[in-house]
Protein backbone atom coordinates (compact mmCIF):
# COMPACT_ATOMS: atom_id res chain seq x y z
CA MET A 1 35.56 50.75 -30.17
CA TYR A 2 34.70 46.98 -28.15
CA GLN A 3 31.44 45.66 -28.07
CA GLN A 4 30.38 43.53 -24.97
CA PRO A 5 29.29 40.27 -26.41
CA THR A 6 26.01 38.79 -25.22
CA VAL A 7 25.34 35.31 -23.92
CA SER A 8 23.77 34.64 -26.95
CA GLU A 9 26.25 35.22 -29.04
CA ILE A 10 28.91 33.75 -27.08
CA ASN A 11 26.47 30.33 -27.53
CA SER A 12 26.42 30.83 -31.31
CA THR A 13 30.20 31.18 -31.47
CA LEU A 14 30.69 28.16 -29.34
CA ARG A 15 28.49 26.13 -32.36
CA ALA A 16 29.88 28.06 -35.04
CA ILE A 17 33.35 27.51 -34.29
CA ARG A 18 32.64 23.31 -33.79
CA GLN A 19 31.08 23.51 -36.77
CA SER A 20 33.30 25.21 -38.33
CA LYS A 21 35.81 22.23 -37.66
CA SER A 22 33.32 19.88 -38.89
CA LEU A 23 32.58 18.19 -35.44
CA SER A 24 29.39 16.49 -33.98
CA LEU A 25 28.77 17.50 -30.18
CA SER A 26 29.73 13.45 -29.98
CA ASP A 27 32.90 13.86 -32.22
CA VAL A 28 33.50 16.66 -29.19
CA GLU A 29 32.90 13.98 -26.54
CA ALA A 30 34.96 11.47 -27.97
CA LEU A 31 37.66 14.16 -28.64
CA SER A 32 37.58 15.13 -24.68
CA GLU A 33 37.54 11.33 -23.73
CA GLY A 34 34.24 12.11 -21.91
CA ARG A 35 34.86 15.48 -20.18
CA ILE A 36 32.63 17.61 -22.06
CA LYS A 37 29.12 15.81 -22.16
CA ALA A 38 27.23 15.92 -25.51
CA VAL A 39 24.00 16.87 -24.09
CA VAL A 40 26.09 19.46 -21.80
CA LEU A 41 27.74 21.21 -25.15
CA GLY A 42 24.61 21.14 -26.83
CA SER A 43 23.20 22.85 -23.83
CA TYR A 44 25.88 25.61 -23.70
CA GLU A 45 25.46 26.13 -27.44
CA ARG A 46 21.52 26.66 -27.04
CA GLY A 47 21.84 28.54 -23.56
CA ALA A 48 20.03 26.14 -21.77
CA ARG A 49 23.04 26.17 -19.26
CA SER A 50 25.19 29.14 -18.19
CA LEU A 51 28.92 28.29 -19.39
CA SER A 52 32.09 28.64 -16.40
CA VAL A 53 35.24 30.38 -17.48
CA LYS A 54 36.37 26.87 -16.33
CA ARG A 55 34.40 24.99 -19.35
CA ALA A 56 35.07 27.87 -21.68
CA LEU A 57 39.03 27.16 -21.02
CA GLN A 58 38.48 23.50 -21.54
CA ILE A 59 36.63 23.96 -24.76
CA ALA A 60 39.08 26.43 -26.33
CA ALA A 61 42.12 24.13 -25.73
CA LEU A 62 39.67 21.07 -27.56
CA TYR A 63 39.13 23.46 -30.12
CA GLN A 64 42.44 24.90 -30.23
CA VAL A 65 41.44 28.10 -30.64
CA PRO A 66 42.10 31.57 -28.21
CA ILE A 67 39.64 31.83 -24.91
CA SER A 68 38.87 35.08 -26.67
CA GLU A 69 37.39 33.51 -29.70
CA ILE A 70 35.05 31.86 -27.59
CA LEU A 71 33.75 34.86 -25.61
CA GLY A 72 33.55 37.34 -28.58
CA HIS A 73 36.32 39.46 -28.53
CA ARG A 74 36.71 41.37 -31.78
CA GLU A 75 39.62 43.84 -32.87
CA ASN A 76 38.53 46.76 -34.19
CA VAL A 77 38.26 46.54 -38.10
CA SER A 78 38.04 48.98 -40.70
CA ALA A 79 34.85 49.19 -43.12
CA THR A 80 36.69 48.07 -46.01
CA SER A 81 37.97 44.57 -44.07
CA SER A 82 34.70 44.10 -43.03
CA ALA A 83 32.94 43.66 -46.50
CA ARG A 84 32.76 41.01 -48.91
CA ILE A 85 35.04 41.75 -51.97
CA ILE A 86 33.79 39.98 -55.32
CA LEU A 87 36.84 39.65 -57.83
CA ASP A 88 36.59 38.49 -61.65
CA LEU A 89 38.30 35.23 -61.47
CA ARG A 90 38.52 34.93 -65.52
CA LEU A 91 40.55 37.86 -65.23
CA ILE A 92 42.82 36.80 -62.71
CA SER A 93 43.33 33.60 -64.65
CA HIS A 94 44.05 35.55 -67.33
CA ARG A 95 46.67 37.66 -65.82
CA VAL A 96 48.27 34.41 -64.48
CA GLN A 97 48.97 33.49 -67.72
CA GLN A 98 50.62 36.22 -68.84
CA GLU A 99 54.42 35.96 -69.53
CA GLY A 100 56.13 39.04 -68.29
CA ARG A 101 53.62 40.74 -66.15
CA ASN A 102 54.66 42.66 -63.33
CA GLU A 103 53.64 41.40 -59.73
CA ILE A 104 53.22 37.80 -61.72
CA ALA A 105 54.55 36.16 -58.16
CA LYS A 106 51.68 38.17 -56.91
CA TYR A 107 49.42 37.03 -58.78
CA SER A 108 50.46 33.29 -59.15
CA ALA A 109 49.88 33.40 -54.94
CA LEU A 110 46.23 34.73 -55.58
CA SER A 111 45.16 32.28 -57.92
CA ARG A 112 46.70 29.99 -55.62
CA LEU A 113 44.56 30.89 -52.75
CA LEU A 114 41.35 31.36 -54.81
CA GLN A 115 41.60 27.81 -56.13
CA LYS A 116 41.33 26.66 -52.94
CA ILE A 117 39.02 28.46 -51.62
CA VAL A 118 36.69 27.56 -55.14
CA ARG A 119 37.66 23.89 -54.06
CA THR A 120 36.65 24.43 -50.12
CA ARG A 121 33.39 26.02 -50.92
CA GLN A 122 32.73 24.23 -53.87
CA ASP A 123 31.67 27.28 -55.83
CA TRP A 124 32.33 26.13 -59.37
CA ASN A 125 30.92 29.58 -61.23
CA GLY A 126 34.23 30.25 -62.45
CA GLU A 127 33.26 33.18 -63.03
CA VAL A 128 33.64 35.59 -60.00
CA ILE A 129 33.96 34.80 -56.16
CA SER A 130 33.28 36.64 -53.20
CA LEU A 131 35.66 37.20 -50.80
CA ARG A 132 35.59 36.84 -47.05
CA SER A 133 37.10 39.32 -44.71
CA SER A 134 38.88 36.23 -43.61
CA ASP A 135 39.95 35.65 -47.14
CA ILE A 136 41.27 39.04 -47.25
CA ALA A 137 43.38 38.57 -43.72
CA THR A 138 44.79 35.58 -45.22
CA LEU A 139 45.97 37.26 -48.64
CA ALA A 140 47.29 39.87 -45.88
CA ILE A 141 49.77 37.48 -44.50
CA VAL A 142 50.64 35.67 -48.28
CA PHE A 143 51.48 39.33 -49.25
CA ASP A 144 53.06 40.67 -46.19
CA GLU A 145 50.59 43.55 -46.14
CA SER A 146 47.86 45.10 -44.49
CA GLU A 147 44.17 44.14 -45.28
CA VAL A 148 43.73 48.23 -46.63
CA GLU A 149 47.20 47.46 -48.80
CA VAL A 150 45.91 43.93 -50.41
CA THR A 151 42.17 45.87 -51.28
CA SER A 152 43.69 48.67 -52.76
CA TRP A 153 46.30 46.48 -54.83
CA LEU A 154 43.03 44.47 -55.81
CA GLU A 155 41.20 47.90 -56.85
CA GLN A 156 44.45 49.46 -58.76
CA GLU A 157 44.65 46.44 -60.63
CA THR A 158 41.26 46.20 -61.49
CA LEU A 159 40.14 43.17 -60.53
CA LEU A 160 37.87 44.36 -57.93
CA LEU A 161 33.96 44.16 -59.00
CA LYS A 162 32.37 45.77 -56.18
CA ILE A 163 32.66 46.07 -52.44
CA ARG A 164 29.55 45.27 -50.65
């Protein structure tokens, strides 16, 4: 069921999207060629100023995200897809190296994605990794399966240490 976002959630979302793109308030002002002032955007993010639909559309276009992202529209997701999944990196690495292993292409794709996530997050422990729901969604695209099917496969292959 869809739950209406609060103004505070929309404000936080604005900041989160900007930060996820590694943009400062000044960067946004420069990128928008002065159409979106840093001080005004900061006011939207803090909730000190009301965000109009027109301005939300401008910001969405600048950030290259759907307006629904800013306005907090969330589809229903299963409990599994919203959970964090912890995988055994050592086991995955071992299985990628096994010749003749069933589904080696799937393991190779999984390994490449996990290496990218490790580098991006600078998570160098090398033993386990926690996947976010967005990571599972990416795996679903790569494997051309649903998120539930991906999670089931990870479980069947005993790669899952836990779901929390």
